Amino acid sequence: MIKKENFDKDLQQLADFARVMSHPARLAILKYLSETKSCISGDISDNLPLSRSTVSQHLKELRDSGLIHGEIDGLKINYCLCSTEIDRFIGLFSTFFESVKSGAIDCEISH
């Protein structure tokens, strides 16, 4: 088994980010937060077809990745998107795919 530490730091970060983004529930949470255009205090699970505990697990993954912030406000937590971290990942993916694209050739598959 190849250890991920043997790879470039940017590739490790992209792989970690891709793992976080690989679940549709996390994508739905990010989309919901972006559509509200504000920090959410309350139960996000009211807007998703998932239980509170499942949403909570996905929110933790998103927080750990830095894509969202959760700040305690009394008994509630306000969740906000972190535009700085989103911009950072956009830049990493853009740089990665531009370099991949520059080496691509047109492939046609005959049927």
N, C-alpha and C. Protein backbone atom coordinates (compact mmCIF):
# COMPACT_ATOMS: atom_id res chain seq x y z
N MET A 1 0.84 -1.18 0.00
CA MET A 1 0.00 0.00 0.00
C MET A 1 0.89 1.24 0.00
N ILE A 2 0.58 2.18 -0.86
CA ILE A 2 1.36 3.41 -0.97
C ILE A 2 0.85 4.42 0.06
N LYS A 3 1.77 4.97 0.81
CA LYS A 3 1.39 5.96 1.82
C LYS A 3 1.16 7.31 1.15
N LYS A 4 0.10 7.95 1.57
CA LYS A 4 -0.24 9.24 0.96
C LYS A 4 0.81 10.30 1.25
N GLU A 5 1.57 10.13 2.33
CA GLU A 5 2.62 11.09 2.67
C GLU A 5 3.75 11.14 1.64
N ASN A 6 3.82 10.12 0.79
CA ASN A 6 4.85 10.08 -0.25
C ASN A 6 4.53 11.01 -1.42
N PHE A 7 3.33 11.59 -1.42
CA PHE A 7 2.90 12.45 -2.52
C PHE A 7 3.01 13.92 -2.15
N ASP A 8 3.06 14.75 -3.17
CA ASP A 8 3.12 16.20 -3.04
C ASP A 8 2.01 16.69 -2.11
N LYS A 9 2.31 17.71 -1.31
CA LYS A 9 1.36 18.25 -0.34
C LYS A 9 0.07 18.73 -1.02
N ASP A 10 0.18 19.39 -2.18
CA ASP A 10 -1.02 19.85 -2.89
C ASP A 10 -1.89 18.67 -3.31
N LEU A 11 -1.27 17.58 -3.77
CA LEU A 11 -2.04 16.40 -4.16
C LEU A 11 -2.73 15.78 -2.96
N GLN A 12 -2.07 15.77 -1.82
CA GLN A 12 -2.69 15.26 -0.59
C GLN A 12 -3.91 16.10 -0.22
N GLN A 13 -3.76 17.43 -0.30
CA GLN A 13 -4.87 18.32 0.04
C GLN A 13 -6.03 18.15 -0.93
N LEU A 14 -5.73 18.02 -2.22
CA LEU A 14 -6.79 17.81 -3.21
C LEU A 14 -7.51 16.49 -2.96
N ALA A 15 -6.77 15.44 -2.63
CA ALA A 15 -7.39 14.14 -2.35
C ALA A 15 -8.27 14.21 -1.11
N ASP A 16 -7.80 14.88 -0.06
CA ASP A 16 -8.61 15.03 1.15
C ASP A 16 -9.89 15.82 0.85
N PHE A 17 -9.74 16.89 0.08
CA PHE A 17 -10.89 17.72 -0.29
C PHE A 17 -11.87 16.90 -1.13
N ALA A 18 -11.36 16.13 -2.09
CA ALA A 18 -12.22 15.31 -2.94
C ALA A 18 -12.99 14.29 -2.11
N ARG A 19 -12.34 13.72 -1.09
CA ARG A 19 -13.01 12.78 -0.21
C ARG A 19 -14.18 13.45 0.52
N VAL A 20 -13.95 14.65 1.03
CA VAL A 20 -15.00 15.38 1.73
C VAL A 20 -16.15 15.69 0.76
N MET A 21 -15.81 16.09 -0.45
CA MET A 21 -16.82 16.49 -1.43
C MET A 21 -17.52 15.30 -2.10
N SER A 22 -17.07 14.09 -1.82
CA SER A 22 -17.58 12.91 -2.52
C SER A 22 -18.95 12.44 -2.04
N HIS A 23 -19.51 13.07 -1.04
CA HIS A 23 -20.82 12.64 -0.55
C HIS A 23 -21.89 13.66 -0.93
N PRO A 24 -22.98 13.20 -1.55
CA PRO A 24 -24.03 14.14 -1.98
C PRO A 24 -24.65 14.94 -0.84
N ALA A 25 -24.68 14.38 0.36
CA ALA A 25 -25.24 15.13 1.50
C ALA A 25 -24.39 16.36 1.80
N ARG A 26 -23.07 16.22 1.71
CA ARG A 26 -22.20 17.37 1.97
C ARG A 26 -22.35 18.41 0.88
N LEU A 27 -22.50 17.96 -0.34
CA LEU A 27 -22.74 18.90 -1.44
C LEU A 27 -24.06 19.63 -1.23
N ALA A 28 -25.08 18.90 -0.79
CA ALA A 28 -26.39 19.51 -0.53
C ALA A 28 -26.31 20.54 0.59
N ILE A 29 -25.53 20.24 1.63
CA ILE A 29 -25.36 21.19 2.73
C ILE A 29 -24.67 22.46 2.23
N LEU A 30 -23.61 22.30 1.46
CA LEU A 30 -22.91 23.48 0.91
C LEU A 30 -23.84 24.29 0.01
N LYS A 31 -24.60 23.60 -0.82
CA LYS A 31 -25.54 24.29 -1.72
C LYS A 31 -26.60 25.04 -0.91
N TYR A 32 -27.13 24.39 0.12
CA TYR A 32 -28.13 25.03 0.97
C TYR A 32 -27.57 26.28 1.64
N LEU A 33 -26.37 26.18 2.20
CA LEU A 33 -25.77 27.34 2.85
C LEU A 33 -25.51 28.46 1.85
N SER A 34 -25.12 28.10 0.63
CA SER A 34 -24.86 29.14 -0.38
C SER A 34 -26.15 29.81 -0.84
N GLU A 35 -27.22 29.05 -0.92
CA GLU A 35 -28.51 29.61 -1.37
C GLU A 35 -29.13 30.52 -0.33
N THR A 36 -28.86 30.28 0.95
CA THR A 36 -29.44 31.13 1.99
C THR A 36 -28.71 32.46 2.10
N LYS A 37 -27.46 32.49 1.60
CA LYS A 37 -26.64 33.71 1.60
C LYS A 37 -26.52 34.35 2.98
N SER A 38 -26.55 33.52 4.01
CA SER A 38 -26.35 34.00 5.37
C SER A 38 -25.93 32.83 6.24
N CYS A 39 -25.55 33.14 7.45
CA CYS A 39 -25.22 32.08 8.39
C CYS A 39 -26.53 31.48 8.90
N ILE A 40 -26.50 30.19 9.08
CA ILE A 40 -27.71 29.48 9.48
C ILE A 40 -27.61 29.09 10.95
N SER A 41 -28.61 29.50 11.70
CA SER A 41 -28.71 28.98 13.05
C SER A 41 -30.03 28.23 13.08
N GLY A 42 -29.97 27.03 13.44
CA GLY A 42 -31.16 26.21 13.41
C GLY A 42 -30.82 24.86 12.85
N ASP A 43 -31.84 24.10 12.59
CA ASP A 43 -31.63 22.73 12.18
C ASP A 43 -31.60 22.60 10.66
N ILE A 44 -30.42 22.39 10.13
CA ILE A 44 -30.26 22.22 8.69
C ILE A 44 -30.97 20.96 8.23
N SER A 45 -31.12 19.98 9.11
CA SER A 45 -31.78 18.73 8.72
C SER A 45 -33.25 18.94 8.36
N ASP A 46 -33.83 20.08 8.75
CA ASP A 46 -35.21 20.38 8.34
C ASP A 46 -35.30 20.56 6.83
N ASN A 47 -34.17 20.86 6.19
CA ASN A 47 -34.16 21.14 4.76
C ASN A 47 -33.51 20.04 3.93
N LEU A 48 -33.13 18.95 4.58
CA LEU A 48 -32.50 17.83 3.88
C LEU A 48 -33.19 16.53 4.27
N PRO A 49 -33.17 15.54 3.38
CA PRO A 49 -33.83 14.27 3.70
C PRO A 49 -32.96 13.35 4.55
N LEU A 50 -32.40 13.91 5.62
CA LEU A 50 -31.50 13.16 6.50
C LEU A 50 -31.83 13.44 7.95
N SER A 51 -31.45 12.52 8.81
CA SER A 51 -31.67 12.71 10.24
C SER A 51 -30.71 13.76 10.78
N ARG A 52 -31.04 14.30 11.94
CA ARG A 52 -30.17 15.30 12.58
C ARG A 52 -28.78 14.75 12.84
N SER A 53 -28.71 13.52 13.31
CA SER A 53 -27.39 12.95 13.63
C SER A 53 -26.55 12.76 12.37
N THR A 54 -27.17 12.38 11.28
CA THR A 54 -26.44 12.23 10.01
C THR A 54 -25.95 13.58 9.51
N VAL A 55 -26.83 14.58 9.55
CA VAL A 55 -26.43 15.93 9.14
C VAL A 55 -25.29 16.43 10.02
N SER A 56 -25.37 16.16 11.31
CA SER A 56 -24.33 16.57 12.23
C SER A 56 -22.98 15.96 11.86
N GLN A 57 -22.96 14.69 11.47
CA GLN A 57 -21.72 14.04 11.06
C GLN A 57 -21.15 14.70 9.80
N HIS A 58 -22.02 15.03 8.86
CA HIS A 58 -21.56 15.67 7.62
C HIS A 58 -21.08 17.10 7.89
N LEU A 59 -21.75 17.80 8.79
CA LEU A 59 -21.30 19.15 9.16
C LEU A 59 -19.91 19.10 9.79
N LYS A 60 -19.65 18.08 10.58
CA LYS A 60 -18.33 17.92 11.19
C LYS A 60 -17.26 17.75 10.11
N GLU A 61 -17.53 16.93 9.11
CA GLU A 61 -16.57 16.73 8.00
C GLU A 61 -16.31 18.05 7.29
N LEU A 62 -17.36 18.81 7.04
CA LEU A 62 -17.21 20.09 6.34
C LEU A 62 -16.46 21.10 7.20
N ARG A 63 -16.72 21.09 8.51
CA ARG A 63 -15.98 21.97 9.43
C ARG A 63 -14.51 21.59 9.48
N ASP A 64 -14.25 20.29 9.60
CA ASP A 64 -12.87 19.82 9.67
C ASP A 64 -12.08 20.17 8.41
N SER A 65 -12.75 20.21 7.27
CA SER A 65 -12.08 20.55 6.02
C SER A 65 -11.87 22.06 5.88
N GLY A 66 -12.56 22.84 6.71
CA GLY A 66 -12.44 24.29 6.65
C GLY A 66 -13.43 24.96 5.72
N LEU A 67 -14.31 24.18 5.08
CA LEU A 67 -15.27 24.76 4.13
C LEU A 67 -16.38 25.54 4.82
N ILE A 68 -16.68 25.18 6.06
CA ILE A 68 -17.68 25.92 6.83
C ILE A 68 -17.13 26.19 8.22
N HIS A 69 -17.73 27.17 8.86
CA HIS A 69 -17.44 27.49 10.25
C HIS A 69 -18.71 27.27 11.04
N GLY A 70 -18.56 26.81 12.25
CA GLY A 70 -19.69 26.67 13.14
C GLY A 70 -19.38 27.39 14.43
N GLU A 71 -20.13 28.45 14.70
CA GLU A 71 -19.90 29.22 15.92
C GLU A 71 -21.09 29.07 16.85
N ILE A 72 -20.78 28.82 18.11
CA ILE A 72 -21.83 28.62 19.11
C ILE A 72 -22.46 29.96 19.47
N ASP A 73 -23.78 29.98 19.43
CA ASP A 73 -24.55 31.17 19.80
C ASP A 73 -25.64 30.70 20.76
N GLY A 74 -25.32 30.69 22.04
CA GLY A 74 -26.26 30.17 23.02
C GLY A 74 -26.39 28.67 22.87
N LEU A 75 -27.60 28.20 22.62
CA LEU A 75 -27.84 26.77 22.44
C LEU A 75 -27.77 26.35 20.98
N LYS A 76 -27.57 27.30 20.08
CA LYS A 76 -27.52 27.00 18.65
C LYS A 76 -26.12 27.18 18.12
N ILE A 77 -25.90 26.63 16.94
CA ILE A 77 -24.64 26.83 16.23
C ILE A 77 -24.97 27.51 14.91
N ASN A 78 -24.27 28.61 14.63
CA ASN A 78 -24.43 29.31 13.36
C ASN A 78 -23.41 28.75 12.38
N TYR A 79 -23.88 28.26 11.24
CA TYR A 79 -23.01 27.70 10.21
C TYR A 79 -22.88 28.67 9.05
N CYS A 80 -21.63 28.91 8.64
CA CYS A 80 -21.34 29.82 7.54
C CYS A 80 -20.32 29.18 6.60
N LEU A 81 -20.43 29.52 5.33
CA LEU A 81 -19.42 29.10 4.36
C LEU A 81 -18.14 29.90 4.59
N CYS A 82 -17.00 29.30 4.34
CA CYS A 82 -15.72 29.98 4.47
C CYS A 82 -15.18 30.26 3.07
N SER A 83 -15.41 31.48 2.59
CA SER A 83 -15.03 31.81 1.22
C SER A 83 -13.53 31.74 0.99
N THR A 84 -12.73 32.03 2.00
CA THR A 84 -11.28 31.96 1.86
C THR A 84 -10.84 30.54 1.54
N GLU A 85 -11.38 29.58 2.25
CA GLU A 85 -11.00 28.18 2.03
C GLU A 85 -11.58 27.67 0.71
N ILE A 86 -12.78 28.10 0.37
CA ILE A 86 -13.37 27.72 -0.92
C ILE A 86 -12.51 28.25 -2.05
N ASP A 87 -12.07 29.50 -1.96
CA ASP A 87 -11.19 30.08 -2.98
C ASP A 87 -9.87 29.32 -3.07
N ARG A 88 -9.35 28.89 -1.94
CA ARG A 88 -8.08 28.15 -1.94
C ARG A 88 -8.23 26.83 -2.70
N PHE A 89 -9.32 26.11 -2.44
CA PHE A 89 -9.53 24.84 -3.13
C PHE A 89 -9.82 25.03 -4.61
N ILE A 90 -10.53 26.08 -4.96
CA ILE A 90 -10.75 26.39 -6.38
C ILE A 90 -9.41 26.60 -7.07
N GLY A 91 -8.52 27.34 -6.41
CA GLY A 91 -7.20 27.58 -6.97
C GLY A 91 -6.39 26.30 -7.13
N LEU A 92 -6.41 25.44 -6.12
CA LEU A 92 -5.68 24.17 -6.19
C LEU A 92 -6.20 23.30 -7.33
N PHE A 93 -7.52 23.18 -7.44
CA PHE A 93 -8.09 22.36 -8.51
C PHE A 93 -7.83 22.98 -9.88
N SER A 94 -7.94 24.28 -9.97
CA SER A 94 -7.69 24.96 -11.24
C SER A 94 -6.26 24.71 -11.70
N THR A 95 -5.31 24.90 -10.81
CA THR A 95 -3.90 24.67 -11.14
C THR A 95 -3.67 23.22 -11.54
N PHE A 96 -4.25 22.30 -10.78
CA PHE A 96 -4.08 20.88 -11.07
C PHE A 96 -4.64 20.54 -12.45
N PHE A 97 -5.89 20.93 -12.72
CA PHE A 97 -6.51 20.54 -13.98
C PHE A 97 -5.94 21.27 -15.18
N GLU A 98 -5.44 22.48 -15.00
CA GLU A 98 -4.78 23.17 -16.11
C GLU A 98 -3.52 22.41 -16.52
N SER A 99 -2.77 21.90 -15.55
CA SER A 99 -1.57 21.13 -15.90
C SER A 99 -1.93 19.79 -16.53
N VAL A 100 -3.00 19.16 -16.05
CA VAL A 100 -3.44 17.90 -16.64
C VAL A 100 -3.95 18.15 -18.06
N LYS A 101 -4.72 19.20 -18.23
CA LYS A 101 -5.30 19.52 -19.54
C LYS A 101 -4.22 19.81 -20.57
N SER A 102 -3.13 20.44 -20.15
CA SER A 102 -2.08 20.80 -21.09
C SER A 102 -1.41 19.56 -21.68
N GLY A 103 -1.50 18.43 -21.01
CA GLY A 103 -0.91 17.19 -21.53
C GLY A 103 -1.90 16.28 -22.19
N ALA A 104 -3.17 16.71 -22.27
CA ALA A 104 -4.21 15.86 -22.84
C ALA A 104 -4.15 15.86 -24.36
N ILE A 105 -4.53 14.73 -24.92
CA ILE A 105 -4.68 14.63 -26.37
C ILE A 105 -6.10 14.18 -26.64
N ASP A 106 -6.58 14.44 -27.85
CA ASP A 106 -7.92 14.01 -28.20
C ASP A 106 -7.91 12.50 -28.44
N CYS A 107 -8.77 11.82 -27.77
CA CYS A 107 -8.90 10.36 -27.94
C CYS A 107 -10.28 10.06 -28.50
N GLU A 108 -10.30 9.30 -29.54
CA GLU A 108 -11.56 8.88 -30.09
C GLU A 108 -11.66 7.38 -29.97
N ILE A 109 -12.77 6.94 -29.47
CA ILE A 109 -12.97 5.52 -29.29
C ILE A 109 -13.87 5.02 -30.41
N SER A 110 -13.38 4.02 -31.13
CA SER A 110 -14.18 3.43 -32.21
C SER A 110 -15.09 2.35 -31.63
N HIS A 111 -16.29 2.33 -32.10
CA HIS A 111 -17.24 1.31 -31.61
C HIS A 111 -17.42 0.24 -32.64
